[in-house]
Amino acid sequence: MAGHSKWHNIQKTKGAQDAKRAKIFSKIAREIIVAVKEGGADPDNNSRLAAVITKARAANMPNDNIKRTIEKALGSGDSSNFENITYEGYGPCGVAVIVETMTDNRNRTASEMRHYFDKYGGKMGTTGCVSWSFDKKGVIIIGNEDGSLDEDTVMMDVLEAGATDMEIDEECFEVYTEPEDFQSVVDALDKSGYSFLSAQVEMIPQTYVKLENEEDIKNMQKMLDMFEDNDDVKDVWYNWEND
């Protein structure tokens, strides 16, 4: 997993995340509602809901908000039919970009995604054009800013939980799992008393691209901002090395 450090991205975007917290919660709430409608309100019997709840808690979404959203989904008369659609393409200088969306209007979302790619020097491609260069992995970030966690103990707990790999950063531990093992590892680590800065299944780049030109860097960041500000976008993955 060398070269991947989600923690640096978390640090860089924390201020922005704080400012956009309401939007983040709104997007997660939509994911919860869809998960409940599709598989019921019991996370023990609905793996998709369990994964979204894990994501919500890692984003510091209050438990009361999560509970209210589930209750809303159970009593919702909303007939909107959301579907998950993934768009792939390229940013400046060929940076690979994957955009995961949840939309009730396929035509609107496709048009908006294409516009964002084109506006900032990129190009939307066909399905599979860049995803082949990413690996799907469960990624769990355990905070250790105060240095109170012992590396050997964490490593032992992580391996016993069923994780496949762990990277040690100065202020966190980055734990990796196979996608199908993600929730069981999260549950085991949660029971062991660990708290998470982030926890979800992600698309991890196999290689990275570094942008040298200031204009390319600005355009890449503006493109990502546009994607992340869009209500239909759940997650954006890319191989831009912006540490």
Protein backbone atom coordinates (compact mmCIF):
# COMPACT_ATOMS: atom_id res chain seq x y z
CA MET A 1 0.00 0.00 0.00
CA ALA A 2 3.04 2.27 -0.19
CA GLY A 3 2.29 5.73 -1.43
CA HIS A 4 -1.27 5.89 -0.14
CA SER A 5 -1.81 8.12 2.85
CA LYS A 6 -5.42 9.06 3.40
CA TRP A 7 -4.51 10.79 6.65
CA HIS A 8 -2.70 13.60 4.82
CA ASN A 9 -5.81 14.18 2.74
CA ILE A 10 -7.93 14.22 5.90
CA GLN A 11 -5.64 16.84 7.43
CA LYS A 12 -5.71 19.01 4.34
CA THR A 13 -9.48 18.91 3.94
CA LYS A 14 -10.56 18.95 7.59
CA GLY A 15 -11.35 22.67 7.57
CA ALA A 16 -13.32 22.31 4.39
CA GLN A 17 -15.11 19.28 5.79
CA ASP A 18 -16.08 21.21 8.91
CA ALA A 19 -17.51 24.00 6.76
CA LYS A 20 -19.42 21.48 4.63
CA ARG A 21 -20.54 19.25 7.48
CA ALA A 22 -24.24 19.83 6.81
CA LYS A 23 -23.82 18.79 3.18
CA ILE A 24 -21.80 15.71 4.18
CA PHE A 25 -24.49 14.66 6.66
CA SER A 26 -27.18 15.25 4.03
CA LYS A 27 -25.41 12.95 1.55
CA ILE A 28 -24.91 10.25 4.16
CA ALA A 29 -28.57 10.55 5.20
CA ARG A 30 -29.58 9.86 1.59
CA GLU A 31 -27.37 6.76 1.60
CA ILE A 32 -28.99 5.59 4.85
CA ILE A 33 -32.51 6.06 3.49
CA VAL A 34 -31.75 4.13 0.30
CA ALA A 35 -30.05 1.35 2.27
CA VAL A 36 -33.04 1.02 4.61
CA LYS A 37 -35.51 0.97 1.73
CA GLU A 38 -33.52 -1.73 -0.03
CA GLY A 39 -32.62 -3.99 2.89
CA GLY A 40 -34.49 -2.99 6.04
CA ALA A 41 -33.57 -1.09 9.20
CA ASP A 42 -31.53 -3.77 10.99
CA PRO A 43 -27.80 -3.30 10.25
CA ASP A 44 -27.15 -6.86 11.46
CA ASN A 45 -29.16 -8.11 8.50
CA ASN A 46 -28.39 -5.28 6.09
CA SER A 47 -24.69 -5.06 5.31
CA ARG A 48 -25.12 -1.97 3.18
CA LEU A 49 -26.81 -0.10 6.03
CA ALA A 50 -24.12 -1.28 8.46
CA ALA A 51 -21.41 0.11 6.16
CA VAL A 52 -23.19 3.47 5.82
CA ILE A 53 -23.67 3.75 9.58
CA THR A 54 -19.95 3.09 10.04
CA LYS A 55 -19.21 5.85 7.52
CA ALA A 56 -21.63 8.19 9.30
CA ARG A 57 -20.09 7.65 12.72
CA ALA A 58 -16.57 8.15 11.37
CA ALA A 59 -17.79 11.47 9.92
CA ASN A 60 -19.02 12.40 13.43
CA MET A 61 -22.67 12.29 12.45
CA PRO A 62 -24.58 12.24 15.78
CA ASN A 63 -26.27 8.97 16.71
CA ASP A 64 -29.58 10.82 17.08
CA ASN A 65 -29.31 11.98 13.47
CA ILE A 66 -28.63 8.43 12.31
CA LYS A 67 -31.59 7.08 14.30
CA ARG A 68 -33.96 9.78 13.02
CA THR A 69 -32.87 9.15 9.44
CA ILE A 70 -33.56 5.42 9.76
CA GLU A 71 -36.98 6.16 11.28
CA LYS A 72 -37.67 8.61 8.46
CA ALA A 73 -36.78 5.95 5.91
CA LEU A 74 -39.13 3.45 7.54
CA GLY A 75 -42.06 5.87 7.42
CA SER A 76 -41.09 7.66 4.24
CA GLY A 77 -43.63 8.08 1.49
CA ASP A 78 -40.90 9.33 -0.81
CA SER A 79 -41.22 7.46 -4.08
CA SER A 80 -37.92 8.68 -5.52
CA ASN A 81 -35.91 5.87 -7.03
CA PHE A 82 -32.21 6.47 -6.56
CA GLU A 83 -29.62 4.48 -8.47
CA ASN A 84 -25.90 4.20 -8.02
CA ILE A 85 -23.95 5.27 -11.11
CA THR A 86 -20.18 5.52 -11.38
CA TYR A 87 -18.47 7.89 -13.81
CA GLU A 88 -14.84 7.61 -14.85
CA GLY A 89 -12.53 10.01 -16.61
CA TYR A 90 -9.41 12.11 -16.55
CA GLY A 91 -8.36 15.33 -14.90
CA PRO A 92 -5.49 17.60 -16.03
CA CYS A 93 -2.42 15.71 -17.28
CA GLY A 94 -4.30 12.41 -17.32
CA VAL A 95 -5.09 12.17 -13.59
CA ALA A 96 -7.47 9.22 -13.20
CA VAL A 97 -10.79 10.11 -11.56
CA ILE A 98 -13.68 7.92 -10.39
CA VAL A 99 -16.91 9.60 -9.28
CA GLU A 100 -19.52 7.53 -7.43
CA THR A 101 -23.01 9.04 -7.49
CA MET A 102 -26.49 8.30 -6.17
CA THR A 103 -29.09 9.96 -8.35
CA ASP A 104 -32.80 10.04 -9.13
CA ASN A 105 -32.14 11.68 -12.50
CA ARG A 106 -29.55 9.90 -14.62
CA ASN A 107 -29.59 12.47 -17.44
CA ARG A 108 -29.06 15.43 -15.11
CA THR A 109 -26.20 13.82 -13.25
CA ALA A 110 -24.44 12.60 -16.40
CA SER A 111 -24.63 16.09 -17.89
CA GLU A 112 -23.25 17.71 -14.74
CA MET A 113 -20.40 15.20 -14.38
CA ARG A 114 -19.38 15.69 -18.01
CA HIS A 115 -19.45 19.47 -17.54
CA TYR A 116 -17.14 19.30 -14.52
CA PHE A 117 -14.64 17.14 -16.36
CA ASP A 118 -14.64 19.39 -19.44
CA LYS A 119 -14.60 22.71 -17.55
CA TYR A 120 -11.26 22.06 -15.86
CA GLY A 121 -9.19 20.46 -18.59
CA GLY A 122 -10.32 16.89 -18.17
CA LYS A 123 -12.50 14.46 -20.08
CA MET A 124 -15.16 11.99 -19.06
CA GLY A 125 -14.42 8.50 -20.34
CA THR A 126 -16.21 5.19 -20.66
CA THR A 127 -16.91 2.69 -17.91
CA GLY A 128 -13.69 0.90 -16.97
CA CYS A 129 -11.35 3.44 -18.57
CA VAL A 130 -9.52 4.12 -15.28
CA SER A 131 -11.03 1.79 -12.66
CA TRP A 132 -8.71 -1.02 -13.79
CA SER A 133 -5.85 0.95 -12.21
CA PHE A 134 -7.49 1.06 -8.76
CA ASP A 135 -7.92 -1.64 -6.11
CA LYS A 136 -11.08 -1.82 -4.00
CA LYS A 137 -10.13 -2.02 -0.31
CA GLY A 138 -11.68 -1.38 3.05
CA VAL A 139 -9.80 1.54 4.64
CA ILE A 140 -10.03 2.27 8.37
CA ILE A 141 -8.15 5.23 9.84
CA ILE A 142 -7.49 4.98 13.59
CA GLY A 143 -6.45 8.28 15.14
CA ASN A 144 -3.36 8.49 17.34
CA GLU A 145 -2.65 12.21 17.48
CA ASP A 146 -1.74 12.07 21.15
CA GLY A 147 0.54 9.05 20.68
CA SER A 148 -1.29 7.05 23.34
CA LEU A 149 -1.72 3.88 21.26
CA ASP A 150 1.02 1.23 21.28
CA GLU A 151 2.00 0.15 17.77
CA ASP A 152 2.51 -3.51 18.63
CA THR A 153 -0.83 -3.73 20.40
CA VAL A 154 -2.67 -2.08 17.53
CA MET A 155 -0.96 -4.36 15.02
CA MET A 156 -1.97 -7.44 16.99
CA ASP A 157 -5.58 -6.26 17.32
CA VAL A 158 -5.76 -5.35 13.64
CA LEU A 159 -4.48 -8.73 12.48
CA GLU A 160 -6.74 -10.61 14.88
CA ALA A 161 -9.69 -8.61 13.53
CA GLY A 162 -8.95 -9.94 10.05
CA ALA A 163 -7.28 -6.97 8.33
CA THR A 164 -4.76 -7.60 5.55
CA ASP A 165 -2.33 -4.73 6.09
CA MET A 166 -1.56 -1.67 8.20
CA GLU A 167 0.51 1.46 7.65
CA ILE A 168 1.80 3.56 10.53
CA ASP A 169 1.72 7.34 10.23
CA GLU A 170 2.91 9.81 12.83
CA GLU A 171 -0.66 10.54 13.90
CA CYS A 172 -2.71 7.55 12.79
CA PHE A 173 -2.84 3.92 11.77
CA GLU A 174 -4.17 3.12 8.29
CA VAL A 175 -5.80 -0.31 8.29
CA TYR A 176 -6.66 -2.18 5.09
CA THR A 177 -9.12 -5.01 4.56
CA GLU A 178 -10.62 -7.00 1.73
CA PRO A 179 -14.00 -5.42 0.84
CA GLU A 180 -15.96 -8.45 2.03
CA ASP A 181 -14.18 -8.38 5.41
CA PHE A 182 -14.55 -4.64 6.00
CA GLN A 183 -17.58 -4.63 8.31
CA SER A 184 -16.39 -7.55 10.45
CA VAL A 185 -13.02 -5.84 10.96
CA VAL A 186 -14.74 -2.55 11.84
CA ASP A 187 -16.98 -4.32 14.35
CA ALA A 188 -14.03 -6.12 15.96
CA LEU A 189 -11.95 -2.97 16.29
CA ASP A 190 -14.94 -1.02 17.59
CA LYS A 191 -15.45 -3.64 20.31
CA SER A 192 -11.76 -3.30 21.19
CA GLY A 193 -12.37 0.38 21.90
CA TYR A 194 -10.84 2.02 18.83
CA SER A 195 -12.33 5.16 17.31
CA PHE A 196 -12.10 5.97 13.62
CA LEU A 197 -11.24 9.14 11.71
CA SER A 198 -12.58 7.49 8.58
CA ALA A 199 -13.94 4.07 7.67
CA GLN A 200 -15.31 2.91 4.33
CA VAL A 201 -14.59 0.82 1.25
CA GLU A 202 -12.46 2.88 -1.12
CA MET A 203 -10.83 2.75 -4.52
CA ILE A 204 -7.05 2.84 -3.97
CA PRO A 205 -4.81 3.91 -6.88
CA GLN A 206 -2.10 1.45 -7.94
CA THR A 207 0.10 4.35 -9.10
CA TYR A 208 0.04 8.11 -8.60
CA VAL A 209 0.41 11.20 -10.78
CA LYS A 210 2.15 14.34 -9.51
CA LEU A 211 1.14 17.67 -11.03
CA GLU A 212 3.93 20.21 -11.42
CA ASN A 213 2.18 23.06 -13.24
CA GLU A 214 0.39 25.50 -10.92
CA GLU A 215 -2.49 25.94 -13.36
CA ASP A 216 -3.01 22.16 -13.56
CA ILE A 217 -3.01 21.95 -9.76
CA LYS A 218 -5.62 24.72 -9.49
CA ASN A 219 -7.82 23.15 -12.14
CA MET A 220 -7.59 19.72 -10.52
CA GLN A 221 -8.61 21.13 -7.14
CA LYS A 222 -11.48 23.12 -8.68
CA MET A 223 -12.71 19.99 -10.45
CA LEU A 224 -12.68 18.01 -7.20
CA ASP A 225 -14.48 20.83 -5.40
CA MET A 226 -17.21 20.83 -8.04
CA PHE A 227 -17.70 17.08 -7.74
CA GLU A 228 -17.79 17.14 -3.95
CA ASP A 229 -20.22 20.08 -3.85
CA ASN A 230 -22.71 18.21 -6.03
CA ASP A 231 -25.54 16.67 -4.00
CA ASP A 232 -25.60 13.54 -6.19
CA VAL A 233 -21.92 12.70 -5.60
CA LYS A 234 -21.14 10.19 -2.84
CA ASP A 235 -17.38 9.75 -3.24
CA VAL A 236 -14.56 10.82 -5.53
CA TRP A 237 -11.40 8.73 -5.97
CA TYR A 238 -8.32 9.86 -7.89
CA ASN A 239 -4.62 9.15 -8.31
CA TRP A 240 -3.38 12.73 -7.92
CA GLU A 241 -0.51 12.75 -5.45
CA ASN A 242 -1.33 15.96 -3.62
CA ASP A 243 0.52 15.39 -0.32
